[in-house]
Amino acid sequence: MTGEPGPLLRAEDLLGPVAEVAARLLGCWVVTDRPEGRVALRLTEVEAYSGQGEDPASHAHRGPTPRAEIMFGPPGLLYVYFSYGVHWCANVVVGPAGRGSAVLMRAGEVVVGEPLARSRRPAARVARDLARGPARLTQALAIGPDDRGADLLDPASAVRLHRGPAPAAVSAGPRVGISVATELPWRFWETGAPSVSVFRAGGKPRRGAARQDQRRD
């Protein structure tokens, strides 16, 4: 699949309950323009994380700490964090400023720039594995710490979020690799999409830590 992305999302597209916004992001395009070229992918899997005191798995559960303050808005910012000390994860800040909610971009299908994505992901043997999981997604798109705080809604940004074709069907279930708030069905994926990552339940909870980074791809 090739082509041009649709219009940029607007801030108002990211307002509403975090689970509803997360499901709406399926099918949207994430586009990165780097000196070596463009890579774009269509989101096929996401996870919602709330900052309203109902979600102890969220980095924002304890309020705007130095790491999580970016989650408190405005909507459309890119929240990038280091997980397990080995890879980066990327989230879209959603909801009105001050709410502290974000959506993890968990997996996608590369639709533009597959050769460049393959050069960044040489271990991927088939196209479905290029961005199958949050670490692989950031690798394929070359997203890292310098992108923290990028405005995904700005046409001049190197990382942008565009409208795309919505999936024909959406499935929902528990989030991957967390050990608290496991009852929330806040992972959403395009039903039957080959790029959706493998589900792994979380491990034993650790005292005193928000567990948004307790997941693997």
C-alpha atoms as a PDB file:
ATOM      1  CA  MET A   1       0.000   0.000   0.000  1.00  0.00           C
ATOM      2  CA  THR A   2       1.351   3.423  -0.977  1.00  0.00           C
ATOM      3  CA  GLY A   3      -0.003   6.913  -1.302  1.00  0.00           C
ATOM      4  CA  GLU A   4      -0.411  10.149   0.564  1.00  0.00           C
ATOM      5  CA  PRO A   5      -1.784  10.515   4.085  1.00  0.00           C
ATOM      6  CA  GLY A   6      -5.135  12.140   4.740  1.00  0.00           C
ATOM      7  CA  PRO A   7      -5.546  15.476   6.519  1.00  0.00           C
ATOM      8  CA  LEU A   8      -3.846  16.042   9.845  1.00  0.00           C
ATOM      9  CA  LEU A   9      -5.894  15.261  12.909  1.00  0.00           C
ATOM     10  CA  ARG A  10      -7.109  18.238  14.915  1.00  0.00           C
ATOM     11  CA  ALA A  11      -7.069  18.729  18.670  1.00  0.00           C
ATOM     12  CA  GLU A  12     -10.831  18.233  18.829  1.00  0.00           C
ATOM     13  CA  ASP A  13     -10.406  14.781  17.266  1.00  0.00           C
ATOM     14  CA  LEU A  14      -8.490  13.752  20.385  1.00  0.00           C
ATOM     15  CA  LEU A  15     -11.058  14.858  22.958  1.00  0.00           C
ATOM     16  CA  GLY A  16     -13.351  12.494  24.833  1.00  0.00           C
ATOM     17  CA  PRO A  17     -12.968   9.448  27.092  1.00  0.00           C
ATOM     18  CA  VAL A  18      -9.535   7.932  26.531  1.00  0.00           C
ATOM     19  CA  ALA A  19     -10.857   4.501  25.515  1.00  0.00           C
ATOM     20  CA  GLU A  20     -13.095   6.025  22.871  1.00  0.00           C
ATOM     21  CA  VAL A  21     -10.311   8.176  21.470  1.00  0.00           C
ATOM     22  CA  ALA A  22      -7.941   5.196  21.386  1.00  0.00           C
ATOM     23  CA  ALA A  23     -10.343   3.141  19.287  1.00  0.00           C
ATOM     24  CA  ARG A  24     -10.798   6.073  16.912  1.00  0.00           C
ATOM     25  CA  LEU A  25      -7.063   6.251  16.272  1.00  0.00           C
ATOM     26  CA  LEU A  26      -7.055   2.839  14.591  1.00  0.00           C
ATOM     27  CA  GLY A  27      -6.488   3.344  10.894  1.00  0.00           C
ATOM     28  CA  CYS A  28      -4.780   6.712  11.340  1.00  0.00           C
ATOM     29  CA  TRP A  29      -1.392   7.234   9.733  1.00  0.00           C
ATOM     30  CA  VAL A  30       1.754   8.066  11.703  1.00  0.00           C
ATOM     31  CA  VAL A  31       4.210   9.790   9.365  1.00  0.00           C
ATOM     32  CA  THR A  32       7.877  10.552  10.019  1.00  0.00           C
ATOM     33  CA  ASP A  33      10.031  12.646   7.716  1.00  0.00           C
ATOM     34  CA  ARG A  34      13.743  12.202   8.347  1.00  0.00           C
ATOM     35  CA  PRO A  35      16.790  13.248   6.312  1.00  0.00           C
ATOM     36  CA  GLU A  36      16.941   9.737   4.840  1.00  0.00           C
ATOM     37  CA  GLY A  37      13.299   9.738   3.791  1.00  0.00           C
ATOM     38  CA  ARG A  38       9.690   9.207   4.817  1.00  0.00           C
ATOM     39  CA  VAL A  39       8.118   6.237   6.575  1.00  0.00           C
ATOM     40  CA  ALA A  40       4.408   6.079   7.298  1.00  0.00           C
ATOM     41  CA  LEU A  41       2.374   3.390   8.975  1.00  0.00           C
ATOM     42  CA  ARG A  42      -1.292   2.786   9.551  1.00  0.00           C
ATOM     43  CA  LEU A  43      -2.126   2.092  13.190  1.00  0.00           C
ATOM     44  CA  THR A  44      -3.577  -1.376  13.769  1.00  0.00           C
ATOM     45  CA  GLU A  45      -3.238  -1.651  17.562  1.00  0.00           C
ATOM     46  CA  VAL A  46      -3.337   0.844  20.431  1.00  0.00           C
ATOM     47  CA  GLU A  47      -3.736   0.925  24.213  1.00  0.00           C
ATOM     48  CA  ALA A  48      -5.481   3.555  26.336  1.00  0.00           C
ATOM     49  CA  TYR A  49      -4.000   4.924  29.584  1.00  0.00           C
ATOM     50  CA  SER A  50      -6.003   7.282  31.785  1.00  0.00           C
ATOM     51  CA  GLY A  51      -4.766   9.964  34.157  1.00  0.00           C
ATOM     52  CA  GLN A  52      -8.039  10.418  36.016  1.00  0.00           C
ATOM     53  CA  GLY A  53      -7.197   8.264  39.026  1.00  0.00           C
ATOM     54  CA  GLU A  54      -8.854   5.131  37.651  1.00  0.00           C
ATOM     55  CA  ASP A  55      -5.801   3.555  36.028  1.00  0.00           C
ATOM     56  CA  PRO A  56      -2.826   2.620  38.243  1.00  0.00           C
ATOM     57  CA  ALA A  57      -1.083   1.189  35.160  1.00  0.00           C
ATOM     58  CA  SER A  58      -0.682   4.715  33.770  1.00  0.00           C
ATOM     59  CA  HIS A  59       2.409   6.873  34.240  1.00  0.00           C
ATOM     60  CA  ALA A  60       0.003   9.750  34.976  1.00  0.00           C
ATOM     61  CA  HIS A  61      -1.729   7.976  37.863  1.00  0.00           C
ATOM     62  CA  ARG A  62       0.224   9.979  40.456  1.00  0.00           C
ATOM     63  CA  GLY A  63      -0.146  13.301  38.709  1.00  0.00           C
ATOM     64  CA  PRO A  64       2.252  15.385  36.624  1.00  0.00           C
ATOM     65  CA  THR A  65       5.592  13.952  37.737  1.00  0.00           C
ATOM     66  CA  PRO A  66       8.697  15.066  35.782  1.00  0.00           C
ATOM     67  CA  ARG A  67       8.393  12.016  33.514  1.00  0.00           C
ATOM     68  CA  ALA A  68       4.625  12.141  33.064  1.00  0.00           C
ATOM     69  CA  GLU A  69       3.934  15.879  32.956  1.00  0.00           C
ATOM     70  CA  ILE A  70       3.749  15.869  29.159  1.00  0.00           C
ATOM     71  CA  MET A  71       0.749  13.511  29.400  1.00  0.00           C
ATOM     72  CA  PHE A  72      -1.260  16.403  30.853  1.00  0.00           C
ATOM     73  CA  GLY A  73      -1.486  18.116  27.520  1.00  0.00           C
ATOM     74  CA  PRO A  74      -2.333  19.800  25.384  1.00  0.00           C
ATOM     75  CA  PRO A  75      -3.680  17.001  23.173  1.00  0.00           C
ATOM     76  CA  GLY A  76      -1.629  15.960  20.181  1.00  0.00           C
ATOM     77  CA  LEU A  77       1.783  15.949  21.834  1.00  0.00           C
ATOM     78  CA  LEU A  78       4.038  12.911  21.512  1.00  0.00           C
ATOM     79  CA  TYR A  79       4.966  11.243  24.808  1.00  0.00           C
ATOM     80  CA  VAL A  80       8.096   9.101  24.370  1.00  0.00           C
ATOM     81  CA  TYR A  81       9.521   7.011  27.193  1.00  0.00           C
ATOM     82  CA  PHE A  82      12.227   4.387  27.659  1.00  0.00           C
ATOM     83  CA  SER A  83      10.867   0.959  28.601  1.00  0.00           C
ATOM     84  CA  TYR A  84      12.850  -1.751  30.385  1.00  0.00           C
ATOM     85  CA  GLY A  85      15.984   0.263  29.675  1.00  0.00           C
ATOM     86  CA  VAL A  86      16.133  -1.199  26.179  1.00  0.00           C
ATOM     87  CA  HIS A  87      13.589   0.438  23.844  1.00  0.00           C
ATOM     88  CA  TRP A  88      11.411   3.470  23.252  1.00  0.00           C
ATOM     89  CA  CYS A  89       7.615   3.602  23.279  1.00  0.00           C
ATOM     90  CA  ALA A  90       5.505   6.366  21.737  1.00  0.00           C
ATOM     91  CA  ASN A  91       2.137   7.676  22.913  1.00  0.00           C
ATOM     92  CA  VAL A  92      -0.359  10.250  21.677  1.00  0.00           C
ATOM     93  CA  VAL A  93      -1.492  12.647  24.414  1.00  0.00           C
ATOM     94  CA  VAL A  94      -5.303  12.872  24.273  1.00  0.00           C
ATOM     95  CA  GLY A  95      -8.147  14.536  26.124  1.00  0.00           C
ATOM     96  CA  PRO A  96      -8.294  18.123  27.364  1.00  0.00           C
ATOM     97  CA  ALA A  97      -5.229  19.673  28.953  1.00  0.00           C
ATOM     98  CA  GLY A  98      -4.870  18.605  32.566  1.00  0.00           C
ATOM     99  CA  ARG A  99      -6.474  15.180  32.210  1.00  0.00           C
ATOM    100  CA  GLY A 100      -3.251  13.170  31.847  1.00  0.00           C
ATOM    101  CA  SER A 101      -4.407  10.573  29.322  1.00  0.00           C
ATOM    102  CA  ALA A 102      -2.478   9.058  26.447  1.00  0.00           C
ATOM    103  CA  VAL A 103      -2.726   6.307  23.849  1.00  0.00           C
ATOM    104  CA  LEU A 104       0.176   3.937  23.259  1.00  0.00           C
ATOM    105  CA  MET A 105       0.825   3.307  19.571  1.00  0.00           C
ATOM    106  CA  ARG A 106       1.300  -0.414  19.855  1.00  0.00           C
ATOM    107  CA  ALA A 107       1.497  -1.736  16.279  1.00  0.00           C
ATOM    108  CA  GLY A 108       0.992  -0.725  12.677  1.00  0.00           C
ATOM    109  CA  GLU A 109       1.254  -1.646   9.034  1.00  0.00           C
ATOM    110  CA  VAL A 110       3.954   0.188   7.061  1.00  0.00           C
ATOM    111  CA  VAL A 111       2.264   1.878   4.095  1.00  0.00           C
ATOM    112  CA  VAL A 112       5.009   4.204   2.827  1.00  0.00           C
ATOM    113  CA  GLY A 113       8.784   3.754   2.900  1.00  0.00           C
ATOM    114  CA  GLU A 114       8.973   0.005   3.473  1.00  0.00           C
ATOM    115  CA  PRO A 115      12.600  -0.275   2.217  1.00  0.00           C
ATOM    116  CA  LEU A 116      13.705   2.387   4.705  1.00  0.00           C
ATOM    117  CA  ALA A 117      11.724   0.741   7.496  1.00  0.00           C
ATOM    118  CA  ARG A 118      13.380  -2.587   6.633  1.00  0.00           C
ATOM    119  CA  SER A 119      16.817  -0.980   6.878  1.00  0.00           C
ATOM    120  CA  ARG A 120      15.953   0.086  10.415  1.00  0.00           C
ATOM    121  CA  ARG A 121      14.452  -3.301  11.276  1.00  0.00           C
ATOM    122  CA  PRO A 122      16.819  -5.827   9.643  1.00  0.00           C
ATOM    123  CA  ALA A 123      15.600  -8.614  11.936  1.00  0.00           C
ATOM    124  CA  ALA A 124      12.098  -8.429  10.458  1.00  0.00           C
ATOM    125  CA  ARG A 125      11.697 -11.286   7.988  1.00  0.00           C
ATOM    126  CA  VAL A 126       8.215 -10.350   6.777  1.00  0.00           C
ATOM    127  CA  ALA A 127       6.394  -7.041   6.349  1.00  0.00           C
ATOM    128  CA  ARG A 128       3.940  -7.700   9.181  1.00  0.00           C
ATOM    129  CA  ASP A 129       6.816  -7.697  11.689  1.00  0.00           C
ATOM    130  CA  LEU A 130       8.208  -4.276  10.759  1.00  0.00           C
ATOM    131  CA  ALA A 131       6.069  -2.457  13.350  1.00  0.00           C
ATOM    132  CA  ARG A 132       4.472  -5.337  15.239  1.00  0.00           C
ATOM    133  CA  GLY A 133       4.860  -4.128  18.809  1.00  0.00           C
ATOM    134  CA  PRO A 134       5.646  -0.737  20.387  1.00  0.00           C
ATOM    135  CA  ALA A 135       9.449  -1.042  20.228  1.00  0.00           C
ATOM    136  CA  ARG A 136       9.405  -2.186  16.618  1.00  0.00           C
ATOM    137  CA  LEU A 137       7.029   0.641  15.749  1.00  0.00           C
ATOM    138  CA  THR A 138       9.364   3.310  17.087  1.00  0.00           C
ATOM    139  CA  GLN A 139      12.340   1.659  15.368  1.00  0.00           C
ATOM    140  CA  ALA A 140      10.586   1.544  11.998  1.00  0.00           C
ATOM    141  CA  LEU A 141       9.630   5.214  12.328  1.00  0.00           C
ATOM    142  CA  ALA A 142      12.983   6.272  13.873  1.00  0.00           C
ATOM    143  CA  ILE A 143      11.188   7.765  16.877  1.00  0.00           C
ATOM    144  CA  GLY A 144      13.371   8.407  19.916  1.00  0.00           C
ATOM    145  CA  PRO A 145      13.979  10.774  22.840  1.00  0.00           C
ATOM    146  CA  ASP A 146      14.490  13.828  20.621  1.00  0.00           C
ATOM    147  CA  ASP A 147      10.857  13.483  19.528  1.00  0.00           C
ATOM    148  CA  ARG A 148       9.458  13.811  23.042  1.00  0.00           C
ATOM    149  CA  GLY A 149       6.981  16.675  23.020  1.00  0.00           C
ATOM    150  CA  ALA A 150       6.660  16.823  19.229  1.00  0.00           C
ATOM    151  CA  ASP A 151       3.361  18.286  18.054  1.00  0.00           C
ATOM    152  CA  LEU A 152       1.721  15.547  16.006  1.00  0.00           C
ATOM    153  CA  LEU A 153      -0.868  18.023  14.711  1.00  0.00           C
ATOM    154  CA  ASP A 154       1.644  20.529  13.284  1.00  0.00           C
ATOM    155  CA  PRO A 155       2.251  20.257   9.516  1.00  0.00           C
ATOM    156  CA  ALA A 156       5.866  21.338  10.086  1.00  0.00           C
ATOM    157  CA  SER A 157       6.560  18.555  12.609  1.00  0.00           C
ATOM    158  CA  ALA A 158       8.822  15.649  11.662  1.00  0.00           C
ATOM    159  CA  VAL A 159       6.304  13.280  13.293  1.00  0.00           C
ATOM    160  CA  ARG A 160       2.655  13.712  12.432  1.00  0.00           C
ATOM    161  CA  LEU A 161      -0.709  12.017  12.894  1.00  0.00           C
ATOM    162  CA  HIS A 162      -3.028  11.929   9.869  1.00  0.00           C
ATOM    163  CA  ARG A 163      -6.470  10.586   9.128  1.00  0.00           C
ATOM    164  CA  GLY A 164      -6.605   7.208   7.440  1.00  0.00           C
ATOM    165  CA  PRO A 165      -9.123   4.548   6.474  1.00  0.00           C
ATOM    166  CA  ALA A 166     -10.925   3.132   9.481  1.00  0.00           C
ATOM    167  CA  PRO A 167     -10.772  -0.640   9.999  1.00  0.00           C
ATOM    168  CA  ALA A 168     -13.747  -2.743   8.992  1.00  0.00           C
ATOM    169  CA  ALA A 169     -13.931  -4.243  12.489  1.00  0.00           C
ATOM    170  CA  VAL A 170     -12.342  -3.471  15.864  1.00  0.00           C
ATOM    171  CA  SER A 171     -11.628  -5.872  18.723  1.00  0.00           C
ATOM    172  CA  ALA A 172     -10.977  -4.977  22.369  1.00  0.00           C
ATOM    173  CA  GLY A 173      -9.313  -6.776  25.262  1.00  0.00           C
ATOM    174  CA  PRO A 174      -6.887  -6.423  28.164  1.00  0.00           C
ATOM    175  CA  ARG A 175      -3.683  -4.462  27.778  1.00  0.00           C
ATOM    176  CA  VAL A 176      -0.356  -6.212  27.319  1.00  0.00           C
ATOM    177  CA  GLY A 177       2.217  -6.915  30.011  1.00  0.00           C
ATOM    178  CA  ILE A 178       0.740  -4.870  32.868  1.00  0.00           C
ATOM    179  CA  SER A 179       0.159  -6.210  36.374  1.00  0.00           C
ATOM    180  CA  VAL A 180      -2.497  -3.790  37.656  1.00  0.00           C
ATOM    181  CA  ALA A 181      -5.828  -2.630  36.203  1.00  0.00           C
ATOM    182  CA  THR A 182      -5.819  -5.802  34.132  1.00  0.00           C
ATOM    183  CA  GLU A 183      -9.612  -5.874  34.078  1.00  0.00           C
ATOM    184  CA  LEU A 184      -9.855  -2.823  31.802  1.00  0.00           C
ATOM    185  CA  PRO A 185     -10.425  -3.839  28.144  1.00  0.00           C
ATOM    186  CA  TRP A 186      -8.387  -0.901  26.905  1.00  0.00           C
ATOM    187  CA  ARG A 187      -6.361  -2.513  24.143  1.00  0.00           C
ATOM    188  CA  PHE A 188      -7.941  -2.046  20.727  1.00  0.00           C
ATOM    189  CA  TRP A 189      -6.894  -3.624  17.464  1.00  0.00           C
ATOM    190  CA  GLU A 190      -8.014  -4.037  13.897  1.00  0.00           C
ATOM    191  CA  THR A 191      -9.685  -7.436  13.836  1.00  0.00           C
ATOM    192  CA  GLY A 192      -7.630  -9.915  11.858  1.00  0.00           C
ATOM    193  CA  ALA A 193      -4.755  -7.532  11.059  1.00  0.00           C
ATOM    194  CA  PRO A 194      -1.505  -9.533  10.722  1.00  0.00           C
ATOM    195  CA  SER A 195       0.570  -6.712  12.242  1.00  0.00           C
ATOM    196  CA  VAL A 196      -1.186  -6.901  15.633  1.00  0.00           C
ATOM    197  CA  SER A 197       1.278  -7.924  18.339  1.00  0.00           C
ATOM    198  CA  VAL A 198       1.129 -11.105  20.391  1.00  0.00           C
ATOM    199  CA  PHE A 199      -0.780 -10.816  23.665  1.00  0.00           C
ATOM    200  CA  ARG A 200       1.244 -11.438  26.824  1.00  0.00           C
ATOM    201  CA  ALA A 201      -0.271 -11.077  30.254  1.00  0.00           C
ATOM    202  CA  GLY A 202       1.585  -9.060  32.876  1.00  0.00           C
ATOM    203  CA  GLY A 203       3.778 -10.349  35.645  1.00  0.00           C
ATOM    204  CA  LYS A 204       3.615  -9.902  39.400  1.00  0.00           C
ATOM    205  CA  PRO A 205       2.932  -6.357  40.573  1.00  0.00           C
ATOM    206  CA  ARG A 206       5.737  -4.300  42.098  1.00  0.00           C
ATOM    207  CA  ARG A 207       4.891  -2.090  45.027  1.00  0.00           C
ATOM    208  CA  GLY A 208       4.845   1.642  44.496  1.00  0.00           C
ATOM    209  CA  ALA A 209       5.294   1.844  40.735  1.00  0.00           C
ATOM    210  CA  ALA A 210       3.005   2.842  37.901  1.00  0.00           C
ATOM    211  CA  ARG A 211       3.168  -0.029  35.457  1.00  0.00           C
ATOM    212  CA  GLN A 212       2.595   1.526  32.029  1.00  0.00           C
ATOM    213  CA  ASP A 213       6.073   0.366  31.028  1.00  0.00           C
ATOM    214  CA  GLN A 214       5.452  -3.251  32.104  1.00  0.00           C
ATOM    215  CA  ARG A 215       4.971  -4.585  28.598  1.00  0.00           C
ATOM    216  CA  ARG A 216       6.913  -6.168  25.825  1.00  0.00           C
ATOM    217  CA  ASP A 217       6.428  -6.482  22.113  1.00  0.00           C
END
